[in-house]
Amino acid sequence: MSQLPQTIPSYLIEVVPEFKVEGETVLSGPAMTLGEDLSFSFAVTMPVFGTRISISPVIAGSYLSVAVVGGSVSVKGLAEPKLTDVLG
């Protein structure tokens, strides 16, 4: 008989949010409880419409993939995100 429990309450599990570019972690946040809400925000600047900021909630422990499609995306901008840009 195993000494390990069959279940673990989610409030006992902590996860660390990470922002990766091409598999390399470029930003990490503080540990948070599994299932907790995390505010993910980003800004898109368009020549005609200006800058628009989007905010989306992400559940801690889930996976979010961000695809960038544009005519002139700055590689430096993707490689050096700011904590406030990504984690709200």
N, C-alpha and C. Protein backbone atom coordinates (compact mmCIF):
# COMPACT_ATOMS: atom_id res chain seq x y z
N MET A 1 0.84 -1.17 0.00
CA MET A 1 0.00 0.00 0.00
C MET A 1 0.89 1.25 0.00
N SER A 2 0.58 2.21 -0.84
CA SER A 2 1.37 3.42 -0.98
C SER A 2 1.12 4.38 0.18
N GLN A 3 2.19 5.10 0.57
CA GLN A 3 2.09 6.09 1.63
C GLN A 3 1.64 7.45 1.08
N LEU A 4 1.61 7.59 -0.26
CA LEU A 4 1.22 8.85 -0.89
C LEU A 4 -0.30 8.95 -0.96
N PRO A 5 -0.84 10.17 -0.79
CA PRO A 5 -2.29 10.34 -0.89
C PRO A 5 -2.78 10.12 -2.32
N GLN A 6 -4.03 9.74 -2.45
CA GLN A 6 -4.65 9.53 -3.76
C GLN A 6 -4.98 10.85 -4.44
N THR A 7 -5.25 11.89 -3.67
CA THR A 7 -5.57 13.21 -4.22
C THR A 7 -4.84 14.29 -3.43
N ILE A 8 -4.64 15.44 -4.07
CA ILE A 8 -4.03 16.60 -3.42
C ILE A 8 -4.93 17.79 -3.72
N PRO A 9 -5.37 18.52 -2.69
CA PRO A 9 -6.20 19.70 -2.93
C PRO A 9 -5.45 20.75 -3.74
N SER A 10 -6.12 21.36 -4.70
CA SER A 10 -5.46 22.32 -5.59
C SER A 10 -4.90 23.53 -4.86
N TYR A 11 -5.50 23.90 -3.72
CA TYR A 11 -5.01 25.08 -2.99
C TYR A 11 -3.63 24.84 -2.36
N LEU A 12 -3.17 23.58 -2.34
CA LEU A 12 -1.85 23.27 -1.81
C LEU A 12 -0.77 23.30 -2.89
N ILE A 13 -1.18 23.43 -4.15
CA ILE A 13 -0.23 23.41 -5.26
C ILE A 13 0.03 24.82 -5.74
N GLU A 14 1.30 25.18 -5.88
CA GLU A 14 1.67 26.49 -6.42
C GLU A 14 2.39 26.30 -7.75
N VAL A 15 2.14 27.23 -8.68
CA VAL A 15 2.78 27.22 -9.99
C VAL A 15 3.43 28.58 -10.22
N VAL A 16 4.41 28.62 -11.10
CA VAL A 16 5.12 29.85 -11.41
C VAL A 16 4.82 30.24 -12.86
N PRO A 17 4.23 31.42 -13.10
CA PRO A 17 3.97 31.84 -14.48
C PRO A 17 5.28 32.18 -15.18
N GLU A 18 5.41 31.72 -16.42
CA GLU A 18 6.60 32.00 -17.22
C GLU A 18 6.21 32.46 -18.60
N PHE A 19 6.98 33.37 -19.16
CA PHE A 19 6.80 33.84 -20.52
C PHE A 19 8.03 33.36 -21.29
N LYS A 20 7.80 32.55 -22.33
CA LYS A 20 8.91 31.99 -23.10
C LYS A 20 8.85 32.46 -24.54
N VAL A 21 10.01 32.68 -25.11
CA VAL A 21 10.14 33.01 -26.53
C VAL A 21 11.05 31.94 -27.13
N GLU A 22 10.50 31.19 -28.08
CA GLU A 22 11.21 30.09 -28.73
C GLU A 22 11.81 29.12 -27.71
N GLY A 23 11.03 28.80 -26.67
CA GLY A 23 11.43 27.82 -25.68
C GLY A 23 12.30 28.35 -24.55
N GLU A 24 12.77 29.57 -24.64
CA GLU A 24 13.62 30.14 -23.61
C GLU A 24 12.79 31.05 -22.70
N THR A 25 12.88 30.83 -21.39
CA THR A 25 12.15 31.66 -20.43
C THR A 25 12.79 33.04 -20.37
N VAL A 26 12.00 34.05 -20.68
CA VAL A 26 12.50 35.43 -20.66
C VAL A 26 11.88 36.23 -19.51
N LEU A 27 10.86 35.67 -18.85
CA LEU A 27 10.21 36.37 -17.76
C LEU A 27 9.49 35.36 -16.87
N SER A 28 9.61 35.53 -15.55
CA SER A 28 8.90 34.69 -14.58
C SER A 28 8.21 35.58 -13.57
N GLY A 29 7.09 35.10 -13.08
CA GLY A 29 6.36 35.84 -12.05
C GLY A 29 6.46 35.11 -10.72
N PRO A 30 5.83 35.66 -9.70
CA PRO A 30 5.86 35.00 -8.39
C PRO A 30 4.97 33.75 -8.37
N ALA A 31 5.27 32.82 -7.49
CA ALA A 31 4.46 31.61 -7.36
C ALA A 31 3.04 31.98 -6.97
N MET A 32 2.08 31.25 -7.53
CA MET A 32 0.67 31.51 -7.23
C MET A 32 -0.08 30.19 -7.12
N THR A 33 -1.22 30.22 -6.47
CA THR A 33 -2.02 29.03 -6.25
C THR A 33 -2.64 28.54 -7.56
N LEU A 34 -2.62 27.23 -7.75
CA LEU A 34 -3.21 26.61 -8.94
C LEU A 34 -4.68 27.02 -9.04
N GLY A 35 -5.09 27.51 -10.20
CA GLY A 35 -6.48 27.94 -10.43
C GLY A 35 -6.73 29.41 -10.18
N GLU A 36 -5.75 30.11 -9.64
CA GLU A 36 -5.89 31.55 -9.39
C GLU A 36 -5.89 32.31 -10.72
N ASP A 37 -6.58 33.45 -10.76
CA ASP A 37 -6.61 34.28 -11.97
C ASP A 37 -5.34 35.11 -12.10
N LEU A 38 -4.81 35.17 -13.31
CA LEU A 38 -3.65 35.99 -13.64
C LEU A 38 -4.07 36.88 -14.80
N SER A 39 -3.79 38.17 -14.70
CA SER A 39 -4.15 39.11 -15.75
C SER A 39 -3.02 39.18 -16.78
N PHE A 40 -3.29 38.77 -18.00
CA PHE A 40 -2.31 38.82 -19.09
C PHE A 40 -2.70 39.99 -19.98
N SER A 41 -1.79 40.94 -20.15
CA SER A 41 -2.11 42.09 -21.00
C SER A 41 -0.99 42.32 -22.02
N PHE A 42 -1.39 42.90 -23.14
CA PHE A 42 -0.42 43.23 -24.18
C PHE A 42 -0.93 44.42 -24.97
N ALA A 43 -0.01 45.12 -25.59
CA ALA A 43 -0.36 46.30 -26.38
C ALA A 43 0.04 46.08 -27.84
N VAL A 44 -0.84 46.47 -28.73
CA VAL A 44 -0.57 46.39 -30.17
C VAL A 44 -0.66 47.80 -30.72
N THR A 45 0.39 48.24 -31.41
CA THR A 45 0.41 49.57 -32.00
C THR A 45 0.20 49.45 -33.51
N MET A 46 -0.83 50.11 -34.01
CA MET A 46 -1.14 50.09 -35.43
C MET A 46 -1.04 51.51 -35.98
N PRO A 47 -0.48 51.66 -37.17
CA PRO A 47 -0.29 53.00 -37.73
C PRO A 47 -1.58 53.81 -37.84
N VAL A 48 -2.66 53.17 -38.19
CA VAL A 48 -3.92 53.88 -38.41
C VAL A 48 -4.71 54.07 -37.11
N PHE A 49 -4.76 53.04 -36.27
CA PHE A 49 -5.61 53.06 -35.08
C PHE A 49 -4.87 53.41 -33.79
N GLY A 50 -3.56 53.50 -33.81
CA GLY A 50 -2.80 53.79 -32.60
C GLY A 50 -2.59 52.55 -31.77
N THR A 51 -2.35 52.74 -30.49
CA THR A 51 -2.09 51.62 -29.59
C THR A 51 -3.37 51.17 -28.91
N ARG A 52 -3.57 49.86 -28.92
CA ARG A 52 -4.71 49.26 -28.24
C ARG A 52 -4.19 48.24 -27.25
N ILE A 53 -4.70 48.29 -26.04
CA ILE A 53 -4.28 47.37 -24.99
C ILE A 53 -5.37 46.33 -24.79
N SER A 54 -4.96 45.07 -24.76
CA SER A 54 -5.89 43.97 -24.51
C SER A 54 -5.51 43.28 -23.22
N ILE A 55 -6.52 42.95 -22.43
CA ILE A 55 -6.30 42.26 -21.16
C ILE A 55 -7.16 41.00 -21.17
N SER A 56 -6.53 39.87 -20.85
CA SER A 56 -7.24 38.60 -20.81
C SER A 56 -6.88 37.87 -19.53
N PRO A 57 -7.87 37.32 -18.83
CA PRO A 57 -7.54 36.52 -17.65
C PRO A 57 -7.01 35.15 -18.08
N VAL A 58 -6.02 34.67 -17.35
CA VAL A 58 -5.46 33.34 -17.58
C VAL A 58 -5.51 32.61 -16.24
N ILE A 59 -5.90 31.35 -16.25
CA ILE A 59 -5.99 30.57 -15.04
C ILE A 59 -4.62 29.96 -14.74
N ALA A 60 -4.11 30.18 -13.53
CA ALA A 60 -2.81 29.64 -13.13
C ALA A 60 -2.81 28.12 -13.28
N GLY A 61 -1.82 27.61 -13.98
CA GLY A 61 -1.72 26.19 -14.26
C GLY A 61 -2.12 25.84 -15.68
N SER A 62 -2.75 26.80 -16.38
CA SER A 62 -3.12 26.55 -17.78
C SER A 62 -1.98 27.00 -18.69
N TYR A 63 -2.10 26.66 -19.96
CA TYR A 63 -1.09 27.00 -20.96
C TYR A 63 -1.70 27.99 -21.93
N LEU A 64 -0.99 29.06 -22.21
CA LEU A 64 -1.46 30.06 -23.17
C LEU A 64 -0.39 30.23 -24.23
N SER A 65 -0.77 30.08 -25.47
CA SER A 65 0.15 30.28 -26.58
C SER A 65 -0.20 31.60 -27.27
N VAL A 66 0.81 32.43 -27.49
CA VAL A 66 0.60 33.73 -28.13
C VAL A 66 1.31 33.72 -29.47
N ALA A 67 0.56 33.95 -30.53
CA ALA A 67 1.14 34.02 -31.86
C ALA A 67 1.15 35.47 -32.31
N VAL A 68 2.25 35.90 -32.89
CA VAL A 68 2.36 37.26 -33.38
C VAL A 68 2.42 37.22 -34.90
N VAL A 69 1.48 37.90 -35.54
CA VAL A 69 1.46 37.98 -36.99
C VAL A 69 1.40 39.46 -37.33
N GLY A 70 2.37 39.93 -38.06
CA GLY A 70 2.40 41.34 -38.40
C GLY A 70 3.48 41.63 -39.42
N GLY A 71 3.42 42.78 -40.00
CA GLY A 71 4.38 43.14 -41.03
C GLY A 71 5.74 43.53 -40.50
N SER A 72 5.79 44.10 -39.31
CA SER A 72 7.08 44.56 -38.79
C SER A 72 7.14 44.42 -37.28
N VAL A 73 7.17 43.18 -36.82
CA VAL A 73 7.25 42.90 -35.39
C VAL A 73 8.70 42.99 -34.97
N SER A 74 8.97 43.74 -33.91
CA SER A 74 10.32 43.90 -33.40
C SER A 74 10.74 42.64 -32.65
N VAL A 75 11.81 41.99 -33.10
CA VAL A 75 12.34 40.82 -32.43
C VAL A 75 12.80 41.21 -31.03
N LYS A 76 13.38 42.38 -30.90
CA LYS A 76 13.84 42.87 -29.60
C LYS A 76 12.65 43.03 -28.65
N GLY A 77 11.54 43.52 -29.15
CA GLY A 77 10.35 43.68 -28.33
C GLY A 77 9.81 42.37 -27.81
N LEU A 78 9.93 41.31 -28.59
CA LEU A 78 9.48 39.98 -28.16
C LEU A 78 10.47 39.36 -27.19
N ALA A 79 11.74 39.60 -27.41
CA ALA A 79 12.79 38.98 -26.60
C ALA A 79 12.96 39.67 -25.25
N GLU A 80 12.52 40.91 -25.10
CA GLU A 80 12.72 41.65 -23.86
C GLU A 80 11.40 42.22 -23.32
N PRO A 81 10.44 41.34 -22.99
CA PRO A 81 9.17 41.86 -22.46
C PRO A 81 9.37 42.42 -21.06
N LYS A 82 8.47 43.30 -20.67
CA LYS A 82 8.50 43.90 -19.34
C LYS A 82 7.47 43.19 -18.48
N LEU A 83 7.77 43.04 -17.22
CA LEU A 83 6.86 42.34 -16.31
C LEU A 83 5.47 42.96 -16.34
N THR A 84 5.36 44.28 -16.43
CA THR A 84 4.06 44.93 -16.45
C THR A 84 3.34 44.69 -17.78
N ASP A 85 4.09 44.46 -18.86
CA ASP A 85 3.47 44.20 -20.16
C ASP A 85 2.82 42.83 -20.18
N VAL A 86 3.43 41.86 -19.56
CA VAL A 86 2.96 40.48 -19.64
C VAL A 86 2.06 40.10 -18.49
N LEU A 87 2.43 40.45 -17.28
CA LEU A 87 1.67 39.98 -16.13
C LEU A 87 0.67 40.98 -15.61
N GLY A 88 0.51 42.12 -16.30
CA GLY A 88 -0.48 43.11 -15.92
C GLY A 88 0.00 43.86 -14.76
